[in-house]
Protein backbone atom coordinates (compact mmCIF):
# COMPACT_ATOMS: atom_id res chain seq x y z
CA MET A 1 -0.08 0.04 0.27
CA GLU A 2 1.44 3.23 -0.77
CA ALA A 3 1.71 5.93 1.53
CA GLY A 4 1.40 8.91 -0.66
CA THR A 5 -1.88 11.05 -1.57
CA ASN A 6 -2.75 12.11 -4.77
CA THR A 7 -5.04 15.33 -4.84
CA ALA A 8 -7.18 16.01 -8.11
CA GLY A 9 -4.32 18.27 -9.35
CA GLY A 10 -1.90 15.39 -9.14
CA ASN A 11 0.28 16.46 -6.34
CA GLN A 12 0.74 14.30 -3.02
CA TYR A 13 -1.32 15.44 -0.03
CA PRO A 14 1.32 16.44 2.63
CA VAL A 15 -0.04 14.17 5.06
CA GLN A 16 0.63 10.80 4.07
CA PHE A 17 -0.19 7.51 6.05
CA SER A 18 -0.03 3.66 5.26
CA VAL A 19 -0.04 0.33 7.04
CA GLU A 20 1.78 -2.65 5.61
CA TYR A 21 -0.53 -5.34 5.00
CA PRO A 22 0.33 -8.92 7.13
CA ASP A 23 0.62 -11.04 4.21
CA ARG A 24 1.22 -14.15 6.88
CA ASP A 25 -0.87 -15.82 9.45
CA LEU A 26 -1.73 -13.53 12.26
CA ASP A 27 -1.10 -14.52 16.05
CA ARG A 28 -4.49 -15.90 17.17
CA LEU A 29 -3.90 -15.82 20.86
CA SER A 30 -2.52 -12.28 20.75
CA THR A 31 -5.38 -11.45 18.93
CA ALA A 32 -7.71 -13.18 21.14
CA PHE A 33 -6.35 -11.07 24.08
CA ARG A 34 -5.44 -7.70 22.16
CA ILE A 35 -7.26 -5.83 24.12
CA ILE A 36 -5.71 -7.29 27.80
CA ALA A 37 -2.18 -7.14 25.91
CA ALA A 38 -2.45 -3.58 25.29
CA ILE A 39 -3.06 -2.31 28.51
CA PRO A 40 0.45 -1.68 29.52
CA ILE A 41 1.48 0.26 26.10
CA VAL A 42 -2.01 2.15 26.60
CA ILE A 43 -0.98 3.18 29.75
CA VAL A 44 2.51 4.55 28.58
CA LEU A 45 0.54 6.35 25.88
CA GLY A 46 -1.70 7.94 28.12
CA ALA A 47 1.07 8.99 30.44
CA ILE A 48 2.86 10.95 27.77
CA GLY A 49 -0.06 12.77 26.97
CA GLY A 50 -0.32 14.63 30.28
CA GLY A 51 -2.47 17.90 30.32
CA TRP A 52 -4.32 16.63 27.19
CA GLY A 53 -7.55 16.18 25.98
CA SER A 54 -8.63 13.55 23.23
CA TRP A 55 -9.94 13.79 19.88
CA GLY A 56 -11.55 10.33 18.36
CA GLY A 57 -9.69 9.43 15.24
CA GLY A 58 -11.59 6.18 14.87
CA ALA A 59 -10.64 2.42 14.73
CA GLY A 60 -8.82 2.96 18.34
CA ASN A 61 -6.55 5.80 16.74
CA GLY A 62 -7.55 8.64 19.44
CA GLU A 63 -5.46 11.78 18.96
CA MET A 64 -4.41 13.82 21.76
CA VAL A 65 -4.25 17.57 21.61
CA ALA A 66 -2.51 19.45 24.43
CA ALA A 67 -3.04 23.11 25.66
CA GLY A 68 0.58 22.57 26.91
CA GLY A 69 2.71 20.11 28.19
CA GLY A 70 2.20 16.66 27.06
CA GLY A 71 0.07 15.60 24.22
CA ILE A 72 0.33 17.28 20.39
CA LEU A 73 1.39 20.38 20.67
CA PHE A 74 -1.59 22.55 19.56
CA PHE A 75 -1.99 25.92 21.17
CA PRO A 76 2.09 26.57 21.65
CA ALA A 77 2.36 26.15 17.89
CA LEU A 78 -0.74 27.91 16.80
CA LEU A 79 0.59 30.81 19.13
CA MET A 80 4.27 30.83 17.51
CA ILE A 81 2.65 30.80 13.97
CA LEU A 82 0.78 33.59 14.68
CA PHE A 83 2.80 35.99 16.25
CA ARG A 84 6.15 34.95 15.21
CA GLN A 85 5.33 33.12 12.13
CA LYS A 86 7.71 30.20 13.17
CA TYR A 87 6.93 26.64 14.00
CA PRO A 88 10.17 25.24 16.05
CA ARG A 89 11.62 22.11 14.71
CA TRP A 90 11.63 20.50 17.92
CA TRP A 91 8.05 21.00 18.36
CA TYR A 92 7.37 19.51 14.69
CA ASP A 93 9.61 16.32 15.89
CA TRP A 94 7.75 15.97 19.03
CA ASN A 95 4.18 16.03 16.87
CA LEU A 96 5.33 13.83 14.12
CA GLU A 97 7.05 11.05 16.54
CA LEU A 98 4.03 11.25 19.01
CA LEU A 99 1.62 10.76 15.92
CA ARG A 100 3.79 7.81 14.97
CA PHE A 101 3.38 6.11 18.22
CA GLN A 102 -0.31 6.77 18.73
CA ASN A 103 -1.05 5.04 15.36
CA ARG A 104 0.96 2.37 16.09
CA VAL A 105 -0.77 1.64 19.21
CA GLY A 106 -4.12 2.03 17.21
CA VAL A 107 -2.94 -0.26 14.38
CA TYR A 108 -2.06 -2.81 17.20
CA LEU A 109 -5.48 -2.14 18.86
CA GLY A 110 -7.18 -2.44 15.25
CA LEU A 111 -5.71 -5.68 14.87
CA LEU A 112 -3.73 -4.67 11.66
CA ASP A 113 -0.74 -5.80 13.26
CA ASP A 114 0.15 -8.47 15.91
CA ARG A 115 3.52 -7.17 16.52
CA TYR A 116 3.32 -5.04 19.95
CA PRO A 117 3.68 -1.63 19.43
CA SER A 118 7.23 -0.08 19.51
CA THR A 119 8.01 3.34 21.26
CA ASP A 120 10.52 4.43 18.74
CA GLU A 121 10.75 1.61 15.82
CA ARG A 122 8.13 2.50 12.85
CA GLN A 123 7.36 -1.44 12.23
CA SER A 124 4.61 -1.45 9.66
CA VAL A 125 3.45 1.99 10.06
CA SER A 126 4.38 5.19 7.99
CA LEU A 127 3.40 8.55 8.83
CA GLU A 128 5.03 11.19 7.21
CA PHE A 129 4.47 15.00 6.78
CA PRO A 130 7.03 17.85 5.90
CA TYR A 131 8.28 20.58 8.15
CA PRO A 132 6.49 23.59 7.29
CA ASP A 133 8.10 27.06 6.31
CA ALA A 134 5.86 28.91 8.60
CA LYS A 135 6.60 32.48 6.92
CA GLN A 136 6.17 31.45 3.51
CA GLY A 137 4.15 28.33 3.59
CA LEU A 138 1.59 28.93 5.97
CA ASN A 139 -1.05 31.70 6.55
CA ARG A 140 -0.48 33.07 10.05
CA TRP A 141 -4.34 33.51 10.44
CA LEU A 142 -5.63 30.29 9.24
CA PRO A 143 -4.84 28.14 12.40
CA LEU A 144 -7.08 30.05 14.35
CA VAL A 145 -10.16 28.82 12.50
CA LYS A 146 -8.66 25.22 10.92
CA TRP A 147 -10.39 23.49 13.82
CA LEU A 148 -13.66 25.09 12.95
CA LEU A 149 -13.22 24.16 9.34
CA ALA A 150 -12.68 20.91 9.87
CA ILE A 151 -16.01 20.25 11.30
CA PRO A 152 -17.36 18.28 8.33
CA HIS A 153 -14.76 15.95 8.83
CA TYR A 154 -15.38 15.46 12.51
CA VAL A 155 -19.02 14.56 11.50
CA VAL A 156 -18.02 12.06 8.81
CA LEU A 157 -15.13 10.65 11.09
CA VAL A 158 -17.54 9.78 13.83
CA PHE A 159 -19.49 7.56 11.28
CA LEU A 160 -16.58 6.06 9.64
CA GLY A 161 -15.04 5.50 13.06
CA LEU A 162 -18.18 3.42 14.07
CA ALA A 163 -17.75 1.53 10.94
CA ALA A 164 -14.31 0.80 11.23
CA ILE A 165 -15.11 -0.71 14.87
CA VAL A 166 -17.32 -2.78 13.10
CA CYS A 167 -15.06 -3.77 10.95
CA VAL A 168 -12.38 -4.74 13.71
CA ILE A 169 -14.81 -6.98 15.32
CA LEU A 170 -15.25 -8.82 12.01
CA ALA A 171 -11.73 -9.18 11.26
CA TRP A 172 -11.28 -10.22 15.13
CA PHE A 173 -13.40 -13.42 14.36
CA ALA A 174 -12.14 -13.77 10.71
CA ILE A 175 -8.38 -13.85 12.35
CA LEU A 176 -9.49 -16.51 15.16
CA VAL A 177 -10.74 -18.72 12.38
CA THR A 178 -8.42 -18.31 9.40
CA GLY A 179 -5.20 -16.31 10.96
CA ARG A 180 -5.95 -13.66 7.93
CA TYR A 181 -7.11 -10.03 8.44
CA PRO A 182 -9.56 -9.70 5.20
CA ARG A 183 -8.11 -7.65 3.09
CA GLY A 184 -11.26 -5.59 2.24
CA LEU A 185 -11.76 -4.83 5.82
CA PHE A 186 -7.87 -3.79 6.42
CA ASP A 187 -7.91 -1.35 3.54
CA PHE A 188 -11.16 0.26 4.97
CA VAL A 189 -9.94 0.56 8.41
CA VAL A 190 -6.53 1.84 7.35
CA GLY A 191 -8.37 4.31 5.05
CA VAL A 192 -10.19 5.46 8.14
CA MET A 193 -6.74 6.03 10.25
CA ARG A 194 -5.56 7.85 7.10
CA TRP A 195 -8.55 10.38 6.70
CA ALA A 196 -8.16 11.08 10.65
CA ASN A 197 -4.35 11.63 10.44
CA ARG A 198 -4.85 14.06 7.44
CA VAL A 199 -7.58 16.17 9.77
CA VAL A 200 -5.14 16.05 12.68
CA GLY A 201 -2.34 17.25 10.57
CA TYR A 202 -4.26 20.12 9.00
CA ALA A 203 -6.36 21.29 12.18
CA PHE A 204 -4.17 20.41 15.00
CA VAL A 205 -0.55 20.07 14.30
CA LEU A 206 -1.03 22.97 11.46
CA VAL A 207 1.86 21.61 9.08
CA THR A 208 -0.31 22.48 6.15
CA ASP A 209 -3.16 24.85 4.50
CA GLU A 210 -3.97 22.39 2.20
CA TYR A 211 -7.55 21.33 3.11
CA PRO A 212 -8.09 17.32 3.65
CA PRO A 213 -9.55 15.63 0.81
CA PHE A 214 -12.94 13.31 1.77
CA ARG A 215 -11.64 10.25 0.67
CA LEU A 216 -10.18 6.88 2.36
CA ASP A 217 -7.78 6.20 -0.63
CA PRO A 218 -4.36 7.23 -0.79
């Protein structure tokens, strides 16, 4: 599965997400007790998000948005773009690596991979977005309203997230019986996560002013 995203104009959307399809038998035992097995890494993820609120991304892929402290650095980045037209590089690095970690946990909870989520290795999950030129590439005022402009996406993602949960439940039974994740269900769940990551990159991580497309596909 390709990580890139093509817009109508033929350009890649700045936020690119993909998960390698596990073309092998998945661990049935790990799958059967996935929720229990994931508790330690979920606690670690929650500890990193100190001082955060959550925005549901569907399929076990919640995104933590921080006013300050832990979680995704949203308000600090907003203020720096607004008043200084600057996006500190280490804030970008923090947001990117935290989102990668969150997605690895989401992929594990969604049964898309049976390898335990790493806190630093990328494993089967690819998430990329470019370091923004805040002075030349971003509108300094747009971060004030991006979260509002993204409301249509939130509404769609609520329904897509519910559908993704149903797909994960169906995949759970399929893996226990066959050892395989049905490819159609896999692609749909990954598509929902891709959609959610695009919205997060636009509205909260603030790395692009390009409005996210309404589609699951790359």
